Amino acid sequence: MSDILIEEELPPPVVRGRSLWEEAHRRLMRNPMAVASLYVVAILVLIAAFGPMLWVHKAHIIYPDRVGIGPTLQHLHILGTDTEGRDMLARLMIGLRISLLVGAAATVVALFIGVSYGAIAGFFGGALDEAMMRFVDVLYAIPFIFFVIVLMTVVQVESPEARLLLIFMAIGAVEWLTMARIVRGQTLALRRKEFVEAARAAGAKPLEIVFRHIVPNVLGPVVVFATLNIPVIILSESFLSFIGLGVQEPLASLGSLLSRGKDQIGTAPWMLWSPAMLMLVTLLALNFLGDGLRDALDPKDR
């Protein structure tokens, strides 16, 4: 009697679905310009974070015998020195650090205020929403750079570090208005969704629904806004530094370096073109990365 082999039926392979963030990552990686910009931004951040510590010259060291010399390999002043005898490459790395720090910190302030404000206004709706958004409209009528200039002029601080903190707060306090409108619109579309109704039925409090259920679902537009907002804030800080109301010595930003370089364009042009080129590369990389993130997170808008 022959043996009868019974083949066991194997269970079908489990197909793991990809989350929205994984799909966005795949779309981002297929965008060569966004990927290149991501690497450029990463390199710039590494240079800003570690460059001043690793470079042979320090940004605050003055060389009296090397005042205003052009780019040279002698003494490794590859971008020259400024009119006070300080190494320009060291100053540029410090300026890049301060500009990126201002952009990131002011964006965090703007996101914290704007996301909270817009989500609360959109979720509760009614008279509260109307009053909150009319307040935003009133603030929109005030030129934001005028508000920042007045604040920087009225509030007098002695320490350069305290002034830098004031710049974070001043720029962030006016950059949240657009974010509030974006989040409010997203919240109006989400507040009647099934997961919100389920949270209500489970006894969740209104603010708990806002910050645990609504806010995580609007992170896509928030991330895009944050990436595109950083270059805007860098330009705002550069303008303030250019007119003398931004970062003060001994600190430096790309804007303050540009301001000093324009005065020496005839005698020391490297003091102008080196911070100008670095700012151009930084802003282009951030803008291309923001565009790539926008397309990856919401491909329907392309």
Protein backbone atom coordinates (compact mmCIF):
# COMPACT_ATOMS: atom_id res chain seq x y z
CA MET A 1 0.00 0.00 0.00
CA SER A 2 1.58 3.19 -1.18
CA ASP A 3 1.90 6.18 1.00
CA ILE A 4 -0.29 9.09 0.07
CA LEU A 5 1.49 12.41 0.51
CA ILE A 6 -0.85 15.18 1.45
CA GLU A 7 0.60 18.57 0.75
CA GLU A 8 -0.16 21.01 3.46
CA GLU A 9 -1.56 24.27 2.26
CA LEU A 10 0.78 27.09 3.10
CA PRO A 11 -0.75 30.30 4.40
CA PRO A 12 -0.61 33.17 1.93
CA PRO A 13 2.31 35.53 2.45
CA VAL A 14 1.57 38.50 4.61
CA VAL A 15 1.79 41.72 2.62
CA ARG A 16 2.71 44.60 4.87
CA GLY A 17 1.19 47.88 3.83
CA ARG A 18 3.20 51.07 3.74
CA SER A 19 2.24 54.04 5.84
CA LEU A 20 1.69 57.49 4.41
CA TRP A 21 5.09 58.58 5.74
CA GLU A 22 6.79 55.62 4.04
CA GLU A 23 5.08 56.47 0.77
CA ALA A 24 6.16 60.10 1.15
CA HIS A 25 9.74 58.95 1.76
CA ARG A 26 9.68 56.85 -1.41
CA ARG A 27 8.36 59.77 -3.46
CA LEU A 28 10.97 62.09 -1.95
CA MET A 29 13.80 59.70 -2.79
CA ARG A 30 12.64 59.61 -6.42
CA ASN A 31 13.07 63.38 -6.69
CA PRO A 32 16.76 63.92 -7.57
CA MET A 33 16.71 67.67 -6.92
CA ALA A 34 15.16 67.20 -3.48
CA VAL A 35 17.64 64.43 -2.60
CA ALA A 36 20.59 66.56 -3.70
CA SER A 37 19.22 69.49 -1.66
CA LEU A 38 18.81 67.21 1.34
CA TYR A 39 22.48 66.23 1.17
CA VAL A 40 23.52 69.88 0.73
CA VAL A 41 21.47 70.94 3.75
CA ALA A 42 22.92 68.09 5.80
CA ILE A 43 26.47 69.13 4.83
CA LEU A 44 25.73 72.77 5.69
CA VAL A 45 24.34 71.77 9.09
CA LEU A 46 27.44 69.66 9.82
CA ILE A 47 29.71 72.52 8.78
CA ALA A 48 27.79 74.96 10.96
CA ALA A 49 27.80 72.61 13.94
CA PHE A 50 31.37 71.32 13.88
CA GLY A 51 33.29 73.50 11.43
CA PRO A 52 34.17 76.33 13.85
CA MET A 53 35.52 73.80 16.35
CA LEU A 54 37.65 71.92 13.80
CA TRP A 55 39.04 74.79 11.72
CA VAL A 56 42.55 75.97 12.49
CA HIS A 57 41.46 79.59 12.94
CA LYS A 58 38.89 80.87 15.42
CA ALA A 59 36.34 83.45 14.38
CA HIS A 60 37.25 85.91 17.16
CA ILE A 61 41.05 85.74 16.79
CA ILE A 62 42.53 88.92 15.29
CA TYR A 63 45.79 88.77 13.32
CA PRO A 64 47.15 92.35 13.23
CA ASP A 65 49.70 91.48 10.56
CA ARG A 66 47.10 89.91 8.21
CA VAL A 67 44.49 92.66 7.91
CA GLY A 68 42.41 92.58 4.72
CA ILE A 69 44.46 90.02 2.80
CA GLY A 70 42.85 88.19 -0.12
CA PRO A 71 42.28 84.44 -0.38
CA THR A 72 45.57 82.64 0.02
CA LEU A 73 46.93 79.28 1.12
CA GLN A 74 49.48 81.04 3.27
CA HIS A 75 48.47 80.52 6.92
CA LEU A 76 45.40 78.72 5.46
CA HIS A 77 43.35 81.88 4.94
CA ILE A 78 41.65 80.27 1.96
CA LEU A 79 38.89 82.92 1.88
CA GLY A 80 41.10 85.77 3.05
CA THR A 81 40.68 87.91 6.17
CA ASP A 82 38.40 90.82 6.99
CA THR A 83 39.41 94.42 7.66
CA GLU A 84 40.12 93.57 11.30
CA GLY A 85 42.38 90.60 10.56
CA ARG A 86 39.94 87.78 11.29
CA ASP A 87 39.76 84.64 9.15
CA MET A 88 36.81 84.89 6.76
CA LEU A 89 36.15 81.15 6.55
CA ALA A 90 35.87 80.92 10.34
CA ARG A 91 33.54 83.94 10.31
CA LEU A 92 31.44 82.35 7.55
CA MET A 93 30.99 79.12 9.49
CA ILE A 94 29.89 81.06 12.57
CA GLY A 95 27.57 83.16 10.40
CA LEU A 96 26.05 80.03 8.86
CA ARG A 97 25.53 78.56 12.32
CA ILE A 98 23.76 81.69 13.60
CA SER A 99 21.58 82.03 10.48
CA LEU A 100 20.48 78.37 10.56
CA LEU A 101 19.90 78.60 14.29
CA VAL A 102 17.73 81.70 13.88
CA GLY A 103 15.78 80.04 11.07
CA ALA A 104 15.19 76.81 13.00
CA ALA A 105 14.44 78.41 16.39
CA ALA A 106 12.09 81.07 15.02
CA THR A 107 10.30 78.38 12.98
CA VAL A 108 9.79 76.29 16.14
CA VAL A 109 8.30 79.33 17.89
CA ALA A 110 6.04 80.03 14.90
CA LEU A 111 4.91 76.39 14.69
CA PHE A 112 4.16 76.14 18.40
CA ILE A 113 1.98 79.25 18.35
CA GLY A 114 0.44 78.76 14.91
CA VAL A 115 -0.44 75.07 15.21
CA SER A 116 -2.01 75.47 18.66
CA TYR A 117 -3.90 78.62 17.69
CA GLY A 118 -5.19 77.33 14.36
CA ALA A 119 -6.19 73.90 15.67
CA ILE A 120 -8.15 75.36 18.59
CA ALA A 121 -9.89 77.91 16.37
CA GLY A 122 -10.84 75.34 13.74
CA PHE A 123 -11.99 72.67 16.19
CA PHE A 124 -14.24 74.82 18.38
CA GLY A 125 -15.56 76.96 15.51
CA GLY A 126 -18.41 79.40 15.98
CA ALA A 127 -17.89 82.74 17.69
CA LEU A 128 -14.52 81.70 19.12
CA ASP A 129 -13.20 80.84 15.67
CA GLU A 130 -14.53 84.10 14.27
CA ALA A 131 -12.91 86.20 16.99
CA MET A 132 -9.58 84.38 16.79
CA MET A 133 -9.31 84.67 13.02
CA ARG A 134 -10.32 88.36 13.00
CA PHE A 135 -7.42 88.91 15.40
CA VAL A 136 -5.16 87.20 12.89
CA ASP A 137 -6.51 89.47 10.13
CA VAL A 138 -5.71 92.55 12.21
CA LEU A 139 -2.14 91.34 12.73
CA TYR A 140 -1.84 90.62 9.02
CA ALA A 141 -2.55 94.29 8.34
CA ILE A 142 0.61 95.27 10.24
CA PRO A 143 3.82 94.90 8.17
CA PHE A 144 5.66 92.16 10.02
CA ILE A 145 9.11 93.60 9.43
CA PHE A 146 7.90 96.93 10.86
CA PHE A 147 6.75 95.12 14.01
CA VAL A 148 10.09 93.34 14.37
CA ILE A 149 12.04 96.56 13.83
CA VAL A 150 9.98 98.37 16.48
CA LEU A 151 10.43 95.51 18.93
CA MET A 152 14.18 95.30 18.33
CA THR A 153 14.45 99.08 18.76
CA VAL A 154 12.31 99.40 21.90
CA VAL A 155 13.69 96.40 23.80
CA GLN A 156 17.30 97.19 24.63
CA VAL A 157 19.55 94.33 25.69
CA GLU A 158 23.25 94.38 26.47
CA SER A 159 24.34 90.81 25.82
CA PRO A 160 24.71 89.61 22.19
CA GLU A 161 23.28 86.24 23.26
CA ALA A 162 20.21 87.93 24.79
CA ARG A 163 19.76 89.93 21.60
CA LEU A 164 19.93 86.71 19.58
CA LEU A 165 17.20 85.20 21.78
CA LEU A 166 15.12 88.34 21.22
CA ILE A 167 15.50 87.87 17.46
CA PHE A 168 14.21 84.28 17.79
CA MET A 169 11.14 85.47 19.65
CA ALA A 170 10.51 88.57 17.55
CA ILE A 171 10.58 86.82 14.18
CA GLY A 172 8.77 83.73 15.44
CA ALA A 173 6.04 85.89 17.01
CA VAL A 174 5.01 87.27 13.60
CA GLU A 175 5.65 84.23 11.39
CA TRP A 176 2.90 82.11 12.99
CA LEU A 177 -0.01 83.83 11.25
CA THR A 178 0.13 81.84 8.00
CA MET A 179 0.61 78.60 9.91
CA ALA A 180 -2.49 79.34 12.00
CA ARG A 181 -4.59 79.75 8.86
CA ILE A 182 -3.23 76.57 7.29
CA VAL A 183 -3.89 74.47 10.40
CA ARG A 184 -7.35 75.99 10.91
CA GLY A 185 -8.36 75.02 7.37
CA GLN A 186 -7.08 71.47 7.85
CA THR A 187 -8.83 71.21 11.21
CA LEU A 188 -12.18 72.32 9.74
CA ALA A 189 -11.92 69.43 7.28
CA LEU A 190 -10.97 66.89 9.97
CA ARG A 191 -13.21 67.73 12.91
CA ARG A 192 -16.20 65.80 11.49
CA LYS A 193 -14.20 62.71 10.58
CA GLU A 194 -15.01 59.32 12.07
CA PHE A 195 -11.90 59.11 14.26
CA VAL A 196 -12.80 62.43 15.90
CA GLU A 197 -16.37 61.27 16.55
CA ALA A 198 -15.00 58.02 17.98
CA ALA A 199 -12.74 59.99 20.33
CA ARG A 200 -15.74 62.06 21.46
CA ALA A 201 -17.77 58.89 22.06
CA ALA A 202 -14.89 57.48 24.11
CA GLY A 203 -15.11 60.49 26.43
CA ALA A 204 -12.02 62.40 25.30
CA LYS A 205 -11.94 66.05 26.30
CA PRO A 206 -11.92 68.72 23.55
CA LEU A 207 -8.31 69.80 24.04
CA GLU A 208 -7.24 66.15 24.18
CA ILE A 209 -8.93 65.57 20.82
CA VAL A 210 -7.22 68.63 19.38
CA PHE A 211 -3.67 67.74 20.40
CA ARG A 212 -3.83 63.92 20.31
CA HIS A 213 -5.99 63.37 17.23
CA ILE A 214 -6.25 66.53 15.11
CA VAL A 215 -2.70 67.90 15.30
CA PRO A 216 -0.94 64.61 14.32
CA ASN A 217 -3.09 64.50 11.17
CA VAL A 218 -2.02 67.96 9.98
CA LEU A 219 1.72 67.31 10.29
CA GLY A 220 2.15 67.02 6.52
CA PRO A 221 1.38 70.69 5.74
CA VAL A 222 3.19 71.68 8.94
CA VAL A 223 6.43 69.98 7.85
CA VAL A 224 6.22 71.57 4.40
CA PHE A 225 5.56 75.00 5.87
CA ALA A 226 8.43 74.66 8.32
CA THR A 227 10.90 73.74 5.58
CA LEU A 228 9.79 76.59 3.32
CA ASN A 229 9.62 79.04 6.21
CA ILE A 230 13.25 78.63 7.33
CA PRO A 231 14.72 80.44 4.29
CA VAL A 232 12.13 83.21 4.71
CA ILE A 233 13.21 83.70 8.32
CA ILE A 234 16.90 83.61 7.35
CA LEU A 235 16.22 86.39 4.85
CA SER A 236 14.30 88.38 7.48
CA GLU A 237 17.16 88.08 9.96
CA SER A 238 19.66 88.96 7.24
CA PHE A 239 17.70 92.11 6.46
CA LEU A 240 17.66 93.09 10.14
CA SER A 241 21.40 92.46 10.43
CA PHE A 242 21.98 94.33 7.16
CA ILE A 243 20.39 97.48 8.61
CA GLY A 244 22.12 97.05 11.97
CA LEU A 245 19.21 95.72 14.06
CA GLY A 246 20.08 92.03 14.01
CA VAL A 247 23.01 90.00 15.30
CA GLN A 248 25.69 92.13 16.92
CA GLU A 249 29.42 91.64 17.42
CA PRO A 250 31.19 89.47 18.42
CA LEU A 251 28.55 87.16 16.93
CA ALA A 252 27.96 87.18 13.19
CA SER A 253 25.29 86.02 10.78
CA LEU A 254 25.29 85.85 7.00
CA GLY A 255 23.34 89.10 6.96
CA SER A 256 25.82 90.96 9.15
CA LEU A 257 28.71 89.61 7.06
CA LEU A 258 26.99 90.88 3.92
CA SER A 259 26.50 94.25 5.56
CA ARG A 260 30.19 94.51 6.38
CA GLY A 261 31.18 93.18 2.96
CA LYS A 262 29.23 95.78 0.99
CA ASP A 263 31.29 98.54 2.58
CA GLN A 264 34.50 96.88 1.35
CA ILE A 265 33.38 95.86 -2.13
CA GLY A 266 36.01 98.06 -3.77
CA THR A 267 38.99 97.10 -1.60
CA ALA A 268 38.11 93.59 -0.33
CA PRO A 269 35.45 92.05 -2.61
CA TRP A 270 35.93 88.58 -1.10
CA MET A 271 34.23 89.90 2.06
CA LEU A 272 31.03 90.28 0.01
CA TRP A 273 31.00 87.44 -2.48
CA SER A 274 31.85 84.65 -0.02
CA PRO A 275 28.85 85.24 2.34
CA ALA A 276 26.66 86.04 -0.69
CA MET A 277 27.47 82.71 -2.36
CA LEU A 278 26.99 80.78 0.87
CA MET A 279 23.61 82.40 1.45
CA LEU A 280 22.59 81.66 -2.15
CA VAL A 281 23.47 77.97 -1.81
CA THR A 282 21.72 77.72 1.58
CA LEU A 283 18.49 79.35 0.42
CA LEU A 284 18.34 77.38 -2.84
CA ALA A 285 18.91 74.07 -1.05
CA LEU A 286 16.23 74.80 1.55
CA ASN A 287 13.71 75.91 -1.08
CA PHE A 288 14.30 72.88 -3.32
CA LEU A 289 14.01 70.60 -0.29
CA GLY A 290 10.75 72.29 0.72
CA ASP A 291 9.35 71.86 -2.79
CA GLY A 292 10.33 68.20 -2.75
CA LEU A 293 8.68 67.63 0.61
CA ARG A 294 5.53 69.35 -0.61
CA ASP A 295 5.33 67.08 -3.64
CA ALA A 296 6.10 63.98 -1.56
CA LEU A 297 3.58 64.65 1.18
CA ASP A 298 0.78 65.86 -1.08
CA PRO A 299 1.39 64.67 -4.66
CA LYS A 300 -2.11 65.84 -5.73
CA ASP A 301 -0.90 69.46 -5.54
CA ARG A 302 1.79 68.98 -8.20
